[in-house]
Protein backbone atom coordinates (compact mmCIF):
# COMPACT_ATOMS: atom_id res chain seq x y z
CA MET A 1 46.05 11.90 -126.64
CA LYS A 2 44.16 8.92 -126.75
CA GLU A 3 46.89 6.86 -125.68
CA CYS A 4 47.78 8.93 -122.87
CA LEU A 5 44.00 8.88 -121.46
CA ILE A 6 44.23 5.09 -121.74
CA LYS A 7 47.05 4.90 -119.62
CA VAL A 8 45.96 7.30 -116.83
CA VAL A 9 42.75 5.32 -117.16
CA ILE A 10 44.63 1.78 -116.48
CA PHE A 11 47.00 3.66 -113.90
CA VAL A 12 44.00 4.62 -111.52
CA VAL A 13 42.32 1.24 -112.35
CA MET A 14 45.38 -0.30 -110.96
CA VAL A 15 45.56 1.99 -107.75
CA THR A 16 41.98 1.67 -107.23
CA LEU A 17 42.61 -2.37 -107.50
CA LEU A 18 45.96 -2.13 -105.19
CA VAL A 19 43.89 -0.18 -102.47
CA SER A 20 41.36 -2.61 -102.62
CA ILE A 21 43.35 -5.23 -101.77
CA HIS A 22 44.82 -3.50 -99.13
CA LEU A 23 41.43 -2.53 -97.44
CA ILE A 24 40.28 -6.18 -98.01
CA LYS A 25 43.80 -7.20 -96.06
CA ILE A 26 43.02 -5.19 -93.41
CA TYR A 27 39.25 -6.00 -92.87
CA THR A 28 39.96 -9.46 -92.75
CA LEU A 29 42.80 -9.31 -90.33
CA PRO A 30 41.55 -10.18 -86.75
CA PHE A 31 41.23 -7.62 -83.66
CA LEU A 32 44.11 -7.90 -80.80
CA PHE A 33 43.32 -8.22 -77.28
CA ILE A 34 45.66 -7.10 -74.92
CA HIS A 35 44.65 -8.58 -71.48
CA VAL A 36 45.82 -7.11 -68.23
CA PRO A 37 45.29 -9.15 -65.16
CA LYS A 38 42.96 -8.34 -62.91
CA THR A 39 41.03 -5.88 -65.04
CA GLY A 40 37.86 -7.83 -66.18
CA GLY A 41 38.94 -9.47 -68.69
CA ASN A 42 37.24 -12.63 -68.87
CA SER A 43 34.00 -10.94 -68.85
CA ILE A 44 34.16 -10.33 -72.60
CA LYS A 45 35.39 -13.69 -73.79
CA ASN A 46 31.95 -15.43 -74.58
CA THR A 47 31.01 -12.17 -77.31
CA LYS A 48 31.79 -11.76 -80.72
CA PHE A 49 33.83 -9.20 -80.95
CA PHE A 50 36.47 -10.99 -78.92
CA GLU A 51 36.17 -14.26 -80.75
CA ASP A 52 36.89 -12.12 -83.94
CA SER A 53 40.34 -11.14 -81.77
CA ILE A 54 43.67 -12.80 -81.19
CA TYR A 55 44.32 -13.11 -77.58
CA PHE A 56 48.22 -14.09 -75.73
CA PHE A 57 47.45 -14.70 -72.01
CA HIS A 58 49.16 -11.76 -70.37
CA THR A 59 51.15 -10.70 -73.25
CA SER A 60 52.36 -7.20 -73.67
CA ILE A 61 51.52 -5.41 -76.77
CA ASN A 62 55.48 -4.86 -77.76
CA ASP A 63 55.92 -8.43 -77.44
CA VAL A 64 52.93 -8.99 -80.16
CA ILE A 65 54.84 -6.34 -82.21
CA ARG A 66 58.37 -7.67 -82.03
CA LYS A 67 56.72 -11.63 -83.27
CA GLY A 68 55.56 -9.70 -86.32
CA LYS A 69 51.59 -10.47 -85.55
CA LYS A 70 49.46 -8.87 -87.72
CA TYR A 71 46.16 -7.15 -86.61
CA LYS A 72 43.57 -4.24 -87.50
CA SER A 73 43.23 -2.41 -83.99
CA SER A 74 43.90 -3.49 -80.55
CA TYR A 75 42.19 -2.98 -77.48
CA THR A 76 42.71 -3.41 -73.80
CA ILE A 77 41.02 -2.74 -70.31
CA VAL A 78 42.46 -1.04 -67.55
CA ARG A 79 41.74 -0.54 -63.83
CA ASN A 80 42.10 1.97 -60.82
CA PRO A 81 45.58 1.12 -59.85
CA TYR A 82 44.05 0.86 -56.24
CA ASP A 83 41.29 -1.33 -57.01
CA ARG A 84 43.30 -3.59 -58.88
CA LEU A 85 45.87 -3.90 -56.11
CA VAL A 86 43.17 -4.76 -53.34
CA SER A 87 42.02 -7.43 -56.38
CA ALA A 88 44.53 -9.21 -57.01
CA PHE A 89 45.68 -9.86 -53.68
CA PHE A 90 42.26 -11.18 -52.63
CA TYR A 91 42.03 -13.35 -55.73
CA LEU A 92 45.37 -14.91 -55.18
CA GLN A 93 44.83 -15.21 -51.10
CA ASP A 94 41.70 -17.13 -51.86
CA GLY A 95 43.46 -19.63 -54.25
CA GLY A 96 43.09 -17.91 -57.96
CA MET A 97 42.36 -20.36 -60.45
CA LYS A 98 44.79 -22.84 -59.76
CA ASN A 99 46.93 -22.29 -62.90
CA VAL A 100 50.57 -22.40 -63.16
CA TRP A 101 51.10 -18.39 -62.94
CA ASP A 102 48.13 -17.95 -59.90
CA ILE A 103 50.18 -21.32 -58.07
CA GLU A 104 53.49 -19.68 -58.22
CA SER A 105 51.88 -16.04 -57.19
CA MET A 106 50.31 -17.39 -54.21
CA LYS A 107 53.48 -19.05 -52.60
CA LYS A 108 55.22 -15.73 -52.96
CA GLN A 109 52.46 -14.16 -51.31
CA GLN A 110 51.56 -16.49 -48.69
CA LYS A 111 54.18 -14.88 -46.16
CA TYR A 112 51.88 -11.95 -46.08
CA LYS A 113 48.40 -13.43 -45.71
CA ASN A 114 45.52 -11.06 -43.94
CA ASN A 115 48.05 -8.86 -44.00
CA PHE A 116 47.64 -6.00 -46.78
CA LYS A 117 49.41 -3.45 -45.18
CA GLU A 118 52.66 -5.53 -45.09
CA PHE A 119 52.31 -6.66 -48.40
CA VAL A 120 52.17 -3.22 -49.80
CA LYS A 121 55.28 -2.33 -48.23
CA ASN A 122 56.79 -5.34 -50.02
CA LEU A 123 55.34 -4.58 -53.28
CA HIS A 124 58.52 -3.69 -55.04
CA LYS A 125 59.54 -7.53 -54.74
CA PHE A 126 56.62 -8.18 -57.06
CA ILE A 127 57.37 -5.71 -60.13
CA ASN A 128 57.85 -8.81 -62.34
CA ASP A 129 55.01 -10.67 -61.36
CA THR A 130 52.25 -10.41 -63.81
CA HIS A 131 49.59 -10.09 -61.37
CA TYR A 132 51.30 -7.17 -59.78
CA LYS A 133 53.18 -5.53 -62.85
CA PRO A 134 51.91 -1.99 -63.85
CA GLN A 135 49.38 -2.18 -66.24
CA TYR A 136 51.29 0.58 -68.62
CA LEU A 137 54.05 -2.02 -69.31
CA PHE A 138 51.30 -4.30 -71.19
CA LEU A 139 50.39 -1.35 -73.50
CA SER A 140 53.39 0.42 -74.49
CA ASP A 141 56.68 0.19 -76.46
CA LYS A 142 60.09 0.07 -74.66
CA ASN A 143 59.77 4.26 -74.62
CA ASN A 144 56.43 3.99 -72.92
CA ASN A 145 54.64 5.46 -75.54
CA ILE A 146 51.03 3.85 -75.06
CA LYS A 147 50.52 1.65 -78.20
CA VAL A 148 47.11 -0.15 -77.89
CA THR A 149 44.39 1.48 -80.14
CA HIS A 150 41.37 1.53 -77.74
CA ILE A 151 41.50 1.72 -73.93
CA LEU A 152 38.31 0.55 -72.08
CA LYS A 153 37.92 1.33 -68.33
CA GLN A 154 36.83 -1.67 -65.72
CA GLU A 155 35.13 1.24 -64.04
CA SER A 156 32.56 1.82 -67.07
CA LEU A 157 33.49 -1.32 -69.09
CA ASN A 158 29.83 -2.31 -70.10
CA GLU A 159 29.43 1.20 -72.15
CA ASP A 160 32.94 1.40 -73.10
CA TYR A 161 32.66 -1.98 -74.75
CA ILE A 162 28.93 -1.19 -76.18
CA LYS A 163 30.68 1.51 -78.01
CA LEU A 164 33.74 -0.12 -79.32
CA GLN A 165 31.59 -3.08 -80.80
CA GLN A 166 28.91 -0.57 -82.27
CA MET A 167 32.60 1.36 -84.01
CA TYR A 168 33.29 -1.53 -85.96
CA GLY A 169 29.54 -2.93 -86.93
CA TYR A 170 29.08 -5.34 -83.95
CA SER A 171 25.31 -5.90 -82.41
CA PRO A 172 26.54 -4.23 -79.10
CA VAL A 173 26.18 -7.37 -76.06
CA SER A 174 25.89 -6.48 -72.42
CA LEU A 175 28.57 -7.74 -70.07
CA LYS A 176 29.03 -9.94 -66.85
CA LYS A 177 31.06 -9.97 -64.28
CA THR A 178 33.14 -12.91 -63.78
CA ASN A 179 36.25 -13.90 -61.47
CA ILE A 180 34.96 -11.50 -59.06
CA SER A 181 37.48 -11.39 -56.03
CA LYS A 182 35.61 -11.42 -52.59
CA HIS A 183 36.28 -8.18 -50.14
CA GLU A 184 35.08 -4.97 -49.49
CA ASP A 185 35.45 -1.36 -50.94
CA TYR A 186 39.27 -0.82 -51.93
CA ASN A 187 39.24 2.29 -49.98
CA ARG A 188 39.05 0.49 -46.84
CA TYR A 189 42.22 -1.17 -47.18
CA TYR A 190 44.36 1.92 -47.61
CA ASP A 191 45.90 4.57 -45.08
CA GLU A 192 47.81 7.72 -45.83
CA GLU A 193 51.33 5.24 -45.89
CA THR A 194 50.19 2.44 -48.02
CA LYS A 195 48.37 5.35 -50.73
CA GLN A 196 51.61 6.50 -51.26
CA LEU A 197 53.81 3.53 -51.51
CA VAL A 198 51.10 2.40 -54.20
CA GLN A 199 51.26 5.76 -55.98
CA LYS A 200 54.87 5.76 -56.49
CA PHE A 201 54.71 2.06 -57.44
CA TYR A 202 51.99 2.53 -59.82
CA GLN A 203 52.86 6.31 -61.12
CA LYS A 204 52.81 6.15 -64.35
CA ASP A 205 49.50 4.35 -64.60
CA PHE A 206 47.84 6.58 -62.59
CA GLU A 207 49.64 9.12 -65.32
CA LEU A 208 49.29 7.19 -68.41
CA LEU A 209 45.83 5.76 -67.94
CA ASN A 210 44.24 9.26 -66.27
CA TYR A 211 43.35 7.55 -62.97
CA GLN A 212 43.21 10.29 -59.78
CA MET A 213 46.21 9.55 -57.15
């Protein structure tokens, strides 16, 4: 009887130890930030929470999973598709940040300069451009299942990011907007025709990310 009790105690101790080691490993893993272009991601980069995250420039979570990267939790920022499209268009029209991705996109977009409507009519040609690629493609697996744990919205980013920091025990830091494109309210750039084209192109973004068409 005594030997059985000792074996049970040893078993419980071993299980507890293994669970503790597993939890420690999870605790020490970094967060994963999926940066969808033109959603406000640059505004979080000077925070402690971001410093404790791994980040691959404009890479999808599917690619991160496929590479076998380990992380304890993932987060991203999304934006109203109408607004994001206008922001990306004028960001590139104004010169972008002069990196290789921006320069390449600017060249392709050059023929539509100052003609947003004509650009929207040809939006399908930019399906693989990182600035215009539908957001859900950065966040989902091959079956279109969203795999990111926490989805923050650009429209309420400061409040959402404060909640995320507090959730993991960080002292919350308020954000300042950075890398802002110069343009009027996005609604002014759309008519019924261009709205319908955007709805078709970004249909899954509207549906999966809960934005109203």
